Amino acid sequence: MPESDQHHRGTLVVSGDPEADHLINTDPLALMIAMLLDQQIPIEWAFVSPLRLAQRLGGVLDAAEIAAMDPEELVAAAAAKPAIHRFPAMMARRIHKLCEHLVDEYQGAADSIWADANEADVLYERLLAVPGYGPVKSQILIAILAKRFDYKPGGWDAVAGVFATEDLRSVADLGDPTALGRLREKRRTDNR
């Protein structure tokens, strides 16, 4: 898999599966796919799914290979039990578009999006251009890169907004095995 010199290993503890956590902490495409999937399902399901998808695609996630696939083949891999998402067909098509974008804009290397982005506002604009990434998802990924991968482009905290704080607020704050439970409890308490 393509890796830049600036690739750092992350410290996310999210999925409850050490192999899945290792993949999202070492493979930038797996991290981007997990973030893409992180909606309308539990966080750990989103972050274990890149490993499941990799296992179904021959053991690795390769943006160029995924982009070259028939989207319906990817849908079949995504929908196999256990499915990678509550809406596996829709999400597989989004993953396909994500990979096409990475191939077209970044030679298939996911970490090229941030490797040379020295300013967070540049990174934010690049992330907003990624299919399936909106403002909040882009802010959270910037916070993950800063907090869990020690990649801090200028102004990252201003661009990441509330996700830059030390409050337990998003997946960016999940750095130990108890953090997910604490985040769920905080959200339950906040929603009372």
N, C-alpha and C. Protein backbone atom coordinates (compact mmCIF):
# COMPACT_ATOMS: atom_id res chain seq x y z
N MET A 1 0.85 -1.18 0.00
CA MET A 1 0.00 0.00 0.00
C MET A 1 0.89 1.23 0.00
N PRO A 2 0.49 2.28 -0.71
CA PRO A 2 1.32 3.47 -0.77
C PRO A 2 1.32 4.19 0.58
N GLU A 3 2.50 4.57 1.02
CA GLU A 3 2.60 5.33 2.27
C GLU A 3 3.59 6.46 2.07
N SER A 4 3.29 7.60 2.61
CA SER A 4 4.21 8.71 2.50
C SER A 4 5.18 8.68 3.68
N ASP A 5 6.22 9.50 3.59
CA ASP A 5 7.19 9.57 4.68
C ASP A 5 6.57 10.16 5.94
N GLN A 6 5.48 10.91 5.79
CA GLN A 6 4.88 11.57 6.95
C GLN A 6 3.82 10.69 7.63
N HIS A 7 3.71 9.44 7.19
CA HIS A 7 2.68 8.58 7.78
C HIS A 7 3.09 8.18 9.19
N HIS A 8 2.22 8.43 10.14
CA HIS A 8 2.45 8.06 11.53
C HIS A 8 1.47 6.97 11.91
N ARG A 9 1.87 6.14 12.83
CA ARG A 9 0.95 5.15 13.35
C ARG A 9 0.05 5.83 14.38
N GLY A 10 -1.24 5.55 14.30
CA GLY A 10 -2.19 6.19 15.20
C GLY A 10 -2.36 5.45 16.51
N THR A 11 -3.14 6.07 17.39
CA THR A 11 -3.38 5.52 18.72
C THR A 11 -4.88 5.35 18.99
N LEU A 12 -5.67 5.15 17.94
CA LEU A 12 -7.11 4.95 18.12
C LEU A 12 -7.38 3.58 18.72
N VAL A 13 -8.29 3.54 19.70
CA VAL A 13 -8.78 2.29 20.26
C VAL A 13 -10.30 2.38 20.16
N VAL A 14 -10.86 1.75 19.13
CA VAL A 14 -12.26 2.00 18.79
C VAL A 14 -13.09 0.74 18.65
N SER A 15 -12.60 -0.23 17.91
CA SER A 15 -13.45 -1.30 17.39
C SER A 15 -13.67 -2.46 18.35
N GLY A 16 -12.82 -2.59 19.38
CA GLY A 16 -12.89 -3.78 20.22
C GLY A 16 -12.16 -4.96 19.60
N ASP A 17 -11.58 -4.77 18.43
CA ASP A 17 -10.84 -5.82 17.71
C ASP A 17 -9.43 -5.29 17.46
N PRO A 18 -8.41 -5.85 18.12
CA PRO A 18 -7.04 -5.32 17.96
C PRO A 18 -6.56 -5.30 16.51
N GLU A 19 -6.94 -6.31 15.72
CA GLU A 19 -6.52 -6.34 14.32
C GLU A 19 -7.18 -5.20 13.53
N ALA A 20 -8.45 -4.95 13.80
CA ALA A 20 -9.16 -3.85 13.12
C ALA A 20 -8.58 -2.50 13.54
N ASP A 21 -8.29 -2.34 14.83
CA ASP A 21 -7.69 -1.08 15.30
C ASP A 21 -6.31 -0.89 14.69
N HIS A 22 -5.52 -1.97 14.59
CA HIS A 22 -4.20 -1.88 13.98
C HIS A 22 -4.32 -1.38 12.54
N LEU A 23 -5.29 -1.92 11.79
CA LEU A 23 -5.47 -1.52 10.39
C LEU A 23 -5.80 -0.03 10.28
N ILE A 24 -6.75 0.47 11.08
CA ILE A 24 -7.10 1.90 10.95
C ILE A 24 -5.99 2.81 11.45
N ASN A 25 -5.11 2.28 12.31
CA ASN A 25 -4.00 3.08 12.82
C ASN A 25 -2.78 3.05 11.91
N THR A 26 -2.76 2.16 10.92
CA THR A 26 -1.59 2.03 10.05
C THR A 26 -1.91 2.21 8.56
N ASP A 27 -3.18 2.15 8.19
CA ASP A 27 -3.56 2.25 6.77
C ASP A 27 -4.49 3.46 6.60
N PRO A 28 -3.98 4.54 5.98
CA PRO A 28 -4.80 5.75 5.83
C PRO A 28 -6.12 5.52 5.08
N LEU A 29 -6.14 4.61 4.10
CA LEU A 29 -7.39 4.33 3.39
C LEU A 29 -8.39 3.68 4.33
N ALA A 30 -7.93 2.77 5.17
CA ALA A 30 -8.84 2.13 6.14
C ALA A 30 -9.45 3.18 7.07
N LEU A 31 -8.63 4.14 7.51
CA LEU A 31 -9.12 5.22 8.37
C LEU A 31 -10.18 6.04 7.64
N MET A 32 -9.91 6.39 6.39
CA MET A 32 -10.88 7.20 5.63
C MET A 32 -12.19 6.44 5.39
N ILE A 33 -12.08 5.13 5.13
CA ILE A 33 -13.29 4.32 4.93
C ILE A 33 -14.07 4.22 6.24
N ALA A 34 -13.37 4.01 7.36
CA ALA A 34 -14.06 3.93 8.66
C ALA A 34 -14.83 5.22 8.93
N MET A 35 -14.18 6.37 8.68
CA MET A 35 -14.86 7.65 8.89
C MET A 35 -16.06 7.80 7.96
N LEU A 36 -15.93 7.34 6.73
CA LEU A 36 -17.03 7.40 5.78
C LEU A 36 -18.22 6.59 6.31
N LEU A 37 -17.93 5.42 6.88
CA LEU A 37 -18.98 4.53 7.37
C LEU A 37 -19.58 4.98 8.71
N ASP A 38 -18.91 5.90 9.40
CA ASP A 38 -19.32 6.29 10.75
C ASP A 38 -20.53 7.21 10.73
N GLN A 39 -21.67 6.62 10.39
CA GLN A 39 -22.95 7.33 10.47
C GLN A 39 -24.05 6.28 10.50
N GLN A 40 -25.02 6.49 11.34
CA GLN A 40 -26.21 5.64 11.47
C GLN A 40 -25.90 4.21 11.91
N ILE A 41 -24.68 3.97 12.42
CA ILE A 41 -24.33 2.68 13.01
C ILE A 41 -23.42 2.95 14.21
N PRO A 42 -23.26 1.97 15.12
CA PRO A 42 -22.33 2.16 16.23
C PRO A 42 -20.90 2.40 15.73
N ILE A 43 -20.16 3.23 16.46
CA ILE A 43 -18.79 3.58 16.06
C ILE A 43 -17.95 2.34 15.82
N GLU A 44 -18.03 1.36 16.74
CA GLU A 44 -17.15 0.20 16.59
C GLU A 44 -17.46 -0.61 15.33
N TRP A 45 -18.71 -0.62 14.89
CA TRP A 45 -19.07 -1.31 13.65
C TRP A 45 -18.39 -0.61 12.47
N ALA A 46 -18.44 0.72 12.44
CA ALA A 46 -17.81 1.48 11.37
C ALA A 46 -16.30 1.23 11.31
N PHE A 47 -15.67 1.09 12.48
CA PHE A 47 -14.21 0.99 12.52
C PHE A 47 -13.69 -0.44 12.42
N VAL A 48 -14.56 -1.44 12.56
CA VAL A 48 -14.15 -2.83 12.31
C VAL A 48 -14.38 -3.18 10.83
N SER A 49 -15.25 -2.43 10.17
CA SER A 49 -15.63 -2.76 8.78
C SER A 49 -14.50 -2.65 7.76
N PRO A 50 -13.54 -1.73 7.86
CA PRO A 50 -12.44 -1.75 6.89
C PRO A 50 -11.68 -3.08 6.90
N LEU A 51 -11.49 -3.68 8.08
CA LEU A 51 -10.83 -4.98 8.15
C LEU A 51 -11.68 -6.04 7.46
N ARG A 52 -12.97 -6.05 7.74
CA ARG A 52 -13.86 -7.02 7.08
C ARG A 52 -13.80 -6.86 5.56
N LEU A 53 -13.83 -5.62 5.11
CA LEU A 53 -13.78 -5.37 3.67
C LEU A 53 -12.44 -5.83 3.10
N ALA A 54 -11.34 -5.51 3.79
CA ALA A 54 -10.02 -5.94 3.32
C ALA A 54 -9.96 -7.46 3.20
N GLN A 55 -10.49 -8.17 4.19
CA GLN A 55 -10.47 -9.63 4.16
C GLN A 55 -11.24 -10.16 2.96
N ARG A 56 -12.29 -9.49 2.56
CA ARG A 56 -13.11 -9.92 1.42
C ARG A 56 -12.51 -9.52 0.08
N LEU A 57 -11.54 -8.60 0.11
CA LEU A 57 -10.92 -8.11 -1.12
C LEU A 57 -9.48 -8.62 -1.25
N GLY A 58 -9.19 -9.76 -0.68
CA GLY A 58 -7.87 -10.34 -0.84
C GLY A 58 -6.86 -9.94 0.20
N GLY A 59 -7.29 -9.31 1.29
CA GLY A 59 -6.40 -9.03 2.41
C GLY A 59 -5.90 -7.60 2.51
N VAL A 60 -6.06 -6.80 1.47
CA VAL A 60 -5.60 -5.41 1.53
C VAL A 60 -6.66 -4.48 0.97
N LEU A 61 -6.56 -3.22 1.40
CA LEU A 61 -7.39 -2.16 0.83
C LEU A 61 -6.49 -1.36 -0.10
N ASP A 62 -6.82 -1.34 -1.36
CA ASP A 62 -6.03 -0.62 -2.35
C ASP A 62 -6.99 0.26 -3.14
N ALA A 63 -6.80 1.58 -3.04
CA ALA A 63 -7.74 2.51 -3.68
C ALA A 63 -7.82 2.28 -5.18
N ALA A 64 -6.70 2.03 -5.85
CA ALA A 64 -6.71 1.83 -7.30
C ALA A 64 -7.48 0.56 -7.66
N GLU A 65 -7.27 -0.51 -6.90
CA GLU A 65 -8.00 -1.76 -7.17
C GLU A 65 -9.49 -1.58 -6.93
N ILE A 66 -9.86 -0.91 -5.84
CA ILE A 66 -11.28 -0.70 -5.55
C ILE A 66 -11.92 0.19 -6.61
N ALA A 67 -11.22 1.25 -7.00
CA ALA A 67 -11.75 2.16 -8.03
C ALA A 67 -11.95 1.45 -9.35
N ALA A 68 -11.11 0.45 -9.65
CA ALA A 68 -11.21 -0.28 -10.92
C ALA A 68 -12.28 -1.37 -10.89
N MET A 69 -12.78 -1.69 -9.70
CA MET A 69 -13.79 -2.75 -9.57
C MET A 69 -15.12 -2.32 -10.16
N ASP A 70 -15.91 -3.30 -10.59
CA ASP A 70 -17.31 -3.05 -10.89
C ASP A 70 -17.96 -2.69 -9.54
N PRO A 71 -18.64 -1.54 -9.46
CA PRO A 71 -19.24 -1.15 -8.17
C PRO A 71 -20.14 -2.24 -7.57
N GLU A 72 -20.79 -3.02 -8.42
CA GLU A 72 -21.68 -4.06 -7.89
C GLU A 72 -20.90 -5.20 -7.23
N GLU A 73 -19.66 -5.44 -7.66
CA GLU A 73 -18.81 -6.43 -6.98
C GLU A 73 -18.48 -5.94 -5.58
N LEU A 74 -18.22 -4.64 -5.47
CA LEU A 74 -17.94 -4.05 -4.16
C LEU A 74 -19.18 -4.11 -3.27
N VAL A 75 -20.35 -3.88 -3.86
CA VAL A 75 -21.61 -3.98 -3.11
C VAL A 75 -21.76 -5.39 -2.55
N ALA A 76 -21.46 -6.41 -3.37
CA ALA A 76 -21.58 -7.80 -2.91
C ALA A 76 -20.63 -8.06 -1.75
N ALA A 77 -19.40 -7.55 -1.83
CA ALA A 77 -18.43 -7.74 -0.74
C ALA A 77 -18.90 -7.02 0.52
N ALA A 78 -19.48 -5.83 0.36
CA ALA A 78 -19.92 -5.04 1.50
C ALA A 78 -21.15 -5.64 2.17
N ALA A 79 -22.00 -6.29 1.39
CA ALA A 79 -23.25 -6.83 1.90
C ALA A 79 -23.12 -8.23 2.49
N ALA A 80 -22.01 -8.92 2.22
CA ALA A 80 -21.81 -10.25 2.78
C ALA A 80 -21.91 -10.17 4.30
N LYS A 81 -22.37 -11.25 4.93
CA LYS A 81 -22.55 -11.24 6.38
C LYS A 81 -21.21 -11.42 7.09
N PRO A 82 -20.93 -10.66 8.16
CA PRO A 82 -21.71 -9.50 8.58
C PRO A 82 -21.45 -8.31 7.66
N ALA A 83 -22.52 -7.62 7.31
CA ALA A 83 -22.43 -6.47 6.41
C ALA A 83 -21.56 -5.38 7.04
N ILE A 84 -20.96 -4.56 6.19
CA ILE A 84 -20.08 -3.50 6.69
C ILE A 84 -20.85 -2.30 7.23
N HIS A 85 -22.15 -2.25 6.98
CA HIS A 85 -22.96 -1.10 7.39
C HIS A 85 -24.43 -1.49 7.32
N ARG A 86 -25.27 -0.75 8.00
CA ARG A 86 -26.71 -0.96 7.93
C ARG A 86 -27.21 -0.79 6.49
N PHE A 87 -26.56 0.08 5.72
CA PHE A 87 -26.91 0.31 4.31
C PHE A 87 -25.70 -0.05 3.45
N PRO A 88 -25.39 -1.36 3.32
CA PRO A 88 -24.14 -1.76 2.68
C PRO A 88 -24.03 -1.37 1.21
N ALA A 89 -25.11 -1.43 0.46
CA ALA A 89 -25.02 -1.10 -0.98
C ALA A 89 -24.69 0.38 -1.17
N MET A 90 -25.41 1.24 -0.47
CA MET A 90 -25.18 2.68 -0.58
C MET A 90 -23.74 3.01 -0.14
N MET A 91 -23.30 2.42 0.97
CA MET A 91 -21.97 2.74 1.48
C MET A 91 -20.88 2.16 0.58
N ALA A 92 -21.11 1.00 -0.01
CA ALA A 92 -20.13 0.44 -0.95
C ALA A 92 -19.95 1.38 -2.14
N ARG A 93 -21.04 1.94 -2.63
CA ARG A 93 -20.95 2.88 -3.76
C ARG A 93 -20.20 4.15 -3.34
N ARG A 94 -20.39 4.58 -2.09
CA ARG A 94 -19.64 5.74 -1.60
C ARG A 94 -18.14 5.42 -1.48
N ILE A 95 -17.82 4.21 -1.00
CA ILE A 95 -16.42 3.79 -0.90
C ILE A 95 -15.80 3.77 -2.30
N HIS A 96 -16.56 3.28 -3.27
CA HIS A 96 -16.07 3.24 -4.65
C HIS A 96 -15.77 4.66 -5.15
N LYS A 97 -16.69 5.59 -4.91
CA LYS A 97 -16.47 7.00 -5.31
C LYS A 97 -15.28 7.62 -4.56
N LEU A 98 -15.16 7.32 -3.27
CA LEU A 98 -14.01 7.78 -2.48
C LEU A 98 -12.71 7.31 -3.13
N CYS A 99 -12.64 6.03 -3.48
CA CYS A 99 -11.42 5.47 -4.08
C CYS A 99 -11.16 6.06 -5.46
N GLU A 100 -12.20 6.28 -6.25
CA GLU A 100 -12.02 6.93 -7.55
C GLU A 100 -11.43 8.33 -7.35
N HIS A 101 -11.93 9.06 -6.38
CA HIS A 101 -11.42 10.40 -6.08
C HIS A 101 -9.94 10.33 -5.68
N LEU A 102 -9.59 9.38 -4.83
CA LEU A 102 -8.19 9.23 -4.39
C LEU A 102 -7.28 8.92 -5.57
N VAL A 103 -7.75 8.09 -6.49
CA VAL A 103 -6.95 7.75 -7.67
C VAL A 103 -6.81 8.98 -8.57
N ASP A 104 -7.92 9.67 -8.81
CA ASP A 104 -7.90 10.83 -9.71
C ASP A 104 -7.07 11.99 -9.17
N GLU A 105 -7.16 12.23 -7.86
CA GLU A 105 -6.54 13.42 -7.27
C GLU A 105 -5.22 13.15 -6.53
N TYR A 106 -5.02 11.92 -6.03
CA TYR A 106 -3.88 11.65 -5.14
C TYR A 106 -3.14 10.36 -5.48
N GLN A 107 -3.22 9.92 -6.73
CA GLN A 107 -2.55 8.69 -7.16
C GLN A 107 -2.89 7.50 -6.27
N GLY A 108 -4.06 7.53 -5.66
CA GLY A 108 -4.53 6.42 -4.85
C GLY A 108 -4.02 6.40 -3.42
N ALA A 109 -3.21 7.37 -3.04
CA ALA A 109 -2.63 7.39 -1.68
C ALA A 109 -3.47 8.29 -0.77
N ALA A 110 -4.24 7.68 0.11
CA ALA A 110 -5.15 8.44 0.98
C ALA A 110 -4.41 9.48 1.81
N ASP A 111 -3.23 9.13 2.34
CA ASP A 111 -2.53 10.08 3.20
C ASP A 111 -1.94 11.25 2.44
N SER A 112 -1.96 11.20 1.11
CA SER A 112 -1.52 12.36 0.32
C SER A 112 -2.46 13.55 0.51
N ILE A 113 -3.68 13.29 0.96
CA ILE A 113 -4.61 14.38 1.24
C ILE A 113 -4.03 15.31 2.31
N TRP A 114 -3.39 14.71 3.32
CA TRP A 114 -2.87 15.53 4.41
C TRP A 114 -1.35 15.65 4.46
N ALA A 115 -0.63 14.81 3.74
CA ALA A 115 0.84 14.78 3.88
C ALA A 115 1.49 16.14 3.64
N ASP A 116 1.01 16.90 2.66
CA ASP A 116 1.64 18.19 2.36
C ASP A 116 0.72 19.38 2.66
N ALA A 117 -0.35 19.12 3.43
CA ALA A 117 -1.25 20.21 3.81
C ALA A 117 -0.72 20.82 5.11
N ASN A 118 0.04 21.89 4.99
CA ASN A 118 0.63 22.50 6.18
C ASN A 118 -0.35 23.39 6.94
N GLU A 119 -1.44 23.75 6.29
CA GLU A 119 -2.47 24.56 6.93
C GLU A 119 -3.78 23.77 6.96
N ALA A 120 -4.44 23.80 8.11
CA ALA A 120 -5.65 23.02 8.30
C ALA A 120 -6.78 23.45 7.38
N ASP A 121 -6.84 24.74 7.02
CA ASP A 121 -7.93 25.16 6.13
C ASP A 121 -7.77 24.53 4.74
N VAL A 122 -6.53 24.31 4.30
CA VAL A 122 -6.28 23.61 3.03
C VAL A 122 -6.74 22.16 3.15
N LEU A 123 -6.36 21.50 4.25
CA LEU A 123 -6.78 20.12 4.49
C LEU A 123 -8.30 20.01 4.54
N TYR A 124 -8.93 20.95 5.22
CA TYR A 124 -10.39 20.94 5.33
C TYR A 124 -11.04 21.01 3.95
N GLU A 125 -10.56 21.91 3.10
CA GLU A 125 -11.11 22.02 1.74
C GLU A 125 -10.89 20.73 0.95
N ARG A 126 -9.72 20.12 1.12
CA ARG A 126 -9.45 18.84 0.44
C ARG A 126 -10.41 17.75 0.91
N LEU A 127 -10.66 17.70 2.21
CA LEU A 127 -11.57 16.69 2.75
C LEU A 127 -12.99 16.93 2.29
N LEU A 128 -13.42 18.19 2.25
CA LEU A 128 -14.77 18.49 1.78
C LEU A 128 -14.98 18.03 0.34
N ALA A 129 -13.91 17.96 -0.45
CA ALA A 129 -14.01 17.51 -1.84
C ALA A 129 -14.12 15.99 -1.96
N VAL A 130 -13.87 15.27 -0.87
CA VAL A 130 -13.92 13.81 -0.88
C VAL A 130 -15.39 13.37 -0.86
N PRO A 131 -15.80 12.51 -1.79
CA PRO A 131 -17.18 12.02 -1.78
C PRO A 131 -17.54 11.39 -0.43
N GLY A 132 -18.67 11.81 0.12
CA GLY A 132 -19.14 11.27 1.38
C GLY A 132 -18.67 12.02 2.61
N TYR A 133 -17.81 13.02 2.42
CA TYR A 133 -17.30 13.80 3.56
C TYR A 133 -17.97 15.16 3.56
N GLY A 134 -18.62 15.48 4.68
CA GLY A 134 -19.20 16.80 4.86
C GLY A 134 -18.38 17.57 5.88
N PRO A 135 -18.90 18.72 6.32
CA PRO A 135 -18.15 19.56 7.26
C PRO A 135 -17.79 18.86 8.57
N VAL A 136 -18.73 18.18 9.21
CA VAL A 136 -18.47 17.58 10.52
C VAL A 136 -17.48 16.42 10.38
N LYS A 137 -17.69 15.55 9.41
CA LYS A 137 -16.79 14.42 9.19
C LYS A 137 -15.37 14.93 8.92
N SER A 138 -15.26 16.00 8.16
CA SER A 138 -13.94 16.58 7.85
C SER A 138 -13.29 17.14 9.10
N GLN A 139 -14.08 17.84 9.94
CA GLN A 139 -13.54 18.37 11.20
C GLN A 139 -13.07 17.24 12.12
N ILE A 140 -13.86 16.17 12.20
CA ILE A 140 -13.49 15.06 13.08
C ILE A 140 -12.22 14.38 12.57
N LEU A 141 -12.09 14.19 11.26
CA LEU A 141 -10.87 13.56 10.74
C LEU A 141 -9.64 14.43 11.03
N ILE A 142 -9.79 15.74 10.92
CA ILE A 142 -8.67 16.64 11.26
C ILE A 142 -8.31 16.47 12.75
N ALA A 143 -9.33 16.36 13.60
CA ALA A 143 -9.07 16.15 15.03
C ALA A 143 -8.42 14.79 15.28
N ILE A 144 -8.84 13.75 14.56
CA ILE A 144 -8.20 12.44 14.69
C ILE A 144 -6.73 12.53 14.30
N LEU A 145 -6.45 13.16 13.17
CA LEU A 145 -5.06 13.28 12.72
C LEU A 145 -4.21 14.01 13.75
N ALA A 146 -4.76 15.07 14.35
CA ALA A 146 -4.01 15.85 15.33
C ALA A 146 -3.85 15.09 16.65
N LYS A 147 -4.94 14.51 17.16
CA LYS A 147 -4.91 13.90 18.48
C LYS A 147 -4.35 12.48 18.49
N ARG A 148 -4.56 11.72 17.44
CA ARG A 148 -4.20 10.30 17.44
C ARG A 148 -3.03 9.96 16.52
N PHE A 149 -2.67 10.88 15.60
CA PHE A 149 -1.57 10.61 14.67
C PHE A 149 -0.47 11.68 14.78
N ASP A 150 -0.62 12.62 15.71
CA ASP A 150 0.35 13.68 15.92
C ASP A 150 0.65 14.44 14.63
N TYR A 151 -0.39 14.63 13.83
CA TYR A 151 -0.25 15.41 12.60
C TYR A 151 -1.08 16.68 12.78
N LYS A 152 -0.39 17.80 13.00
CA LYS A 152 -1.08 19.03 13.39
C LYS A 152 -0.74 20.16 12.43
N PRO A 153 -1.49 20.26 11.32
CA PRO A 153 -1.26 21.39 10.43
C PRO A 153 -1.65 22.70 11.11
N GLY A 154 -1.08 23.80 10.65
CA GLY A 154 -1.35 25.11 11.26
C GLY A 154 -2.84 25.40 11.33
N GLY A 155 -3.29 25.83 12.51
CA GLY A 155 -4.69 26.20 12.70
C GLY A 155 -5.63 25.02 12.83
N TRP A 156 -5.10 23.81 13.06
CA TRP A 156 -5.97 22.63 13.10
C TRP A 156 -7.06 22.76 14.16
N ASP A 157 -6.72 23.34 15.31
CA ASP A 157 -7.70 23.41 16.40
C ASP A 157 -8.85 24.35 16.05
N ALA A 158 -8.55 25.44 15.36
CA ALA A 158 -9.62 26.35 14.93
C ALA A 158 -10.52 25.68 13.89
N VAL A 159 -9.92 24.96 12.96
CA VAL A 159 -10.70 24.30 11.90
C VAL A 159 -11.50 23.13 12.47
N ALA A 160 -10.91 22.37 13.39
CA ALA A 160 -11.61 21.22 13.98
C ALA A 160 -12.70 21.67 14.95
N GLY A 161 -12.63 22.91 15.40
CA GLY A 161 -13.70 23.46 16.25
C GLY A 161 -13.87 22.69 17.55
N VAL A 162 -15.11 22.35 17.88
CA VAL A 162 -15.40 21.68 19.15
C VAL A 162 -14.68 20.35 19.27
N PHE A 163 -14.30 19.74 18.15
CA PHE A 163 -13.64 18.43 18.18
C PHE A 163 -12.16 18.55 18.59
N ALA A 164 -11.65 19.77 18.66
CA ALA A 164 -10.26 19.99 19.08
C ALA A 164 -10.13 20.03 20.60
N THR A 165 -11.23 20.22 21.31
CA THR A 165 -11.16 20.35 22.76
C THR A 165 -10.80 19.02 23.40
N GLU A 166 -10.48 19.09 24.69
CA GLU A 166 -10.15 17.87 25.44
C GLU A 166 -11.40 17.12 25.89
N ASP A 167 -12.58 17.71 25.66
CA ASP A 167 -13.82 17.03 26.03
C ASP A 167 -13.93 15.73 25.23
N LEU A 168 -14.53 14.74 25.86
CA LEU A 168 -14.84 13.49 25.18
C LEU A 168 -16.02 13.78 24.25
N ARG A 169 -15.75 13.85 22.94
CA ARG A 169 -16.76 14.34 22.04
C ARG A 169 -16.94 13.50 20.78
N SER A 170 -15.86 12.85 20.30
CA SER A 170 -15.93 12.12 19.03
C SER A 170 -14.94 10.98 19.03
N VAL A 171 -14.88 10.26 17.93
CA VAL A 171 -13.92 9.17 17.77
C VAL A 171 -12.49 9.66 17.94
N ALA A 172 -12.24 10.93 17.69
CA ALA A 172 -10.89 11.48 17.86
C ALA A 172 -10.41 11.37 19.30
N ASP A 173 -11.33 11.21 20.24
CA ASP A 173 -11.00 11.14 21.66
C ASP A 173 -10.87 9.71 22.18
N LEU A 174 -10.94 8.73 21.29
CA LEU A 174 -10.92 7.33 21.71
C LEU A 174 -9.50 6.78 21.62
N GLY A 175 -8.77 6.88 22.73
CA GLY A 175 -7.38 6.46 22.75
C GLY A 175 -7.08 5.36 23.76
N ASP A 176 -8.10 4.85 24.44
CA ASP A 176 -7.88 3.74 25.37
C ASP A 176 -9.14 2.88 25.39
N PRO A 177 -9.03 1.65 25.91
CA PRO A 177 -10.16 0.71 25.85
C PRO A 177 -11.42 1.16 26.57
N THR A 178 -11.32 2.10 27.52
CA THR A 178 -12.51 2.53 28.25
C THR A 178 -13.16 3.78 27.65
N ALA A 179 -12.49 4.40 26.69
CA ALA A 179 -12.96 5.69 26.17
C ALA A 179 -14.32 5.60 25.49
N LEU A 180 -14.57 4.55 24.70
CA LEU A 180 -15.84 4.44 23.99
C LEU A 180 -17.01 4.35 24.98
N GLY A 181 -16.85 3.58 26.04
CA GLY A 181 -17.90 3.49 27.06
C GLY A 181 -18.14 4.84 27.72
N ARG A 182 -17.06 5.57 28.00
CA ARG A 182 -17.19 6.90 28.61
C ARG A 182 -17.89 7.87 27.65
N LEU A 183 -17.55 7.79 26.36
CA LEU A 183 -18.20 8.66 25.37
C LEU A 183 -19.69 8.36 25.29
N ARG A 184 -20.07 7.08 25.28
CA ARG A 184 -21.49 6.71 25.24
C ARG A 184 -22.23 7.23 26.46
N GLU A 185 -21.62 7.08 27.63
CA GLU A 185 -22.24 7.54 28.88
C GLU A 185 -22.41 9.05 28.86
N LYS A 186 -21.40 9.77 28.38
CA LYS A 186 -21.48 11.24 28.29
C LYS A 186 -22.62 11.65 27.35
N ARG A 187 -22.74 10.96 26.20
CA ARG A 187 -23.81 11.30 25.25
C ARG A 187 -25.18 11.00 25.86
N ARG A 188 -25.28 9.89 26.59
CA ARG A 188 -26.55 9.56 27.26
C ARG A 188 -26.91 10.65 28.26
N THR A 189 -25.96 11.06 29.08
CA THR A 189 -26.17 12.09 30.10
C THR A 189 -26.52 13.43 29.44
N ASP A 190 -25.78 13.78 28.35
CA ASP A 190 -26.01 15.05 27.67
C ASP A 190 -27.40 15.11 27.01
N ASN A 191 -27.95 13.96 26.66
CA ASN A 191 -29.23 13.92 25.94
C ASN A 191 -30.42 13.80 26.87
N ARG A 192 -30.19 13.85 28.17
CA ARG A 192 -31.31 13.77 29.12
C ARG A 192 -32.07 15.05 29.18
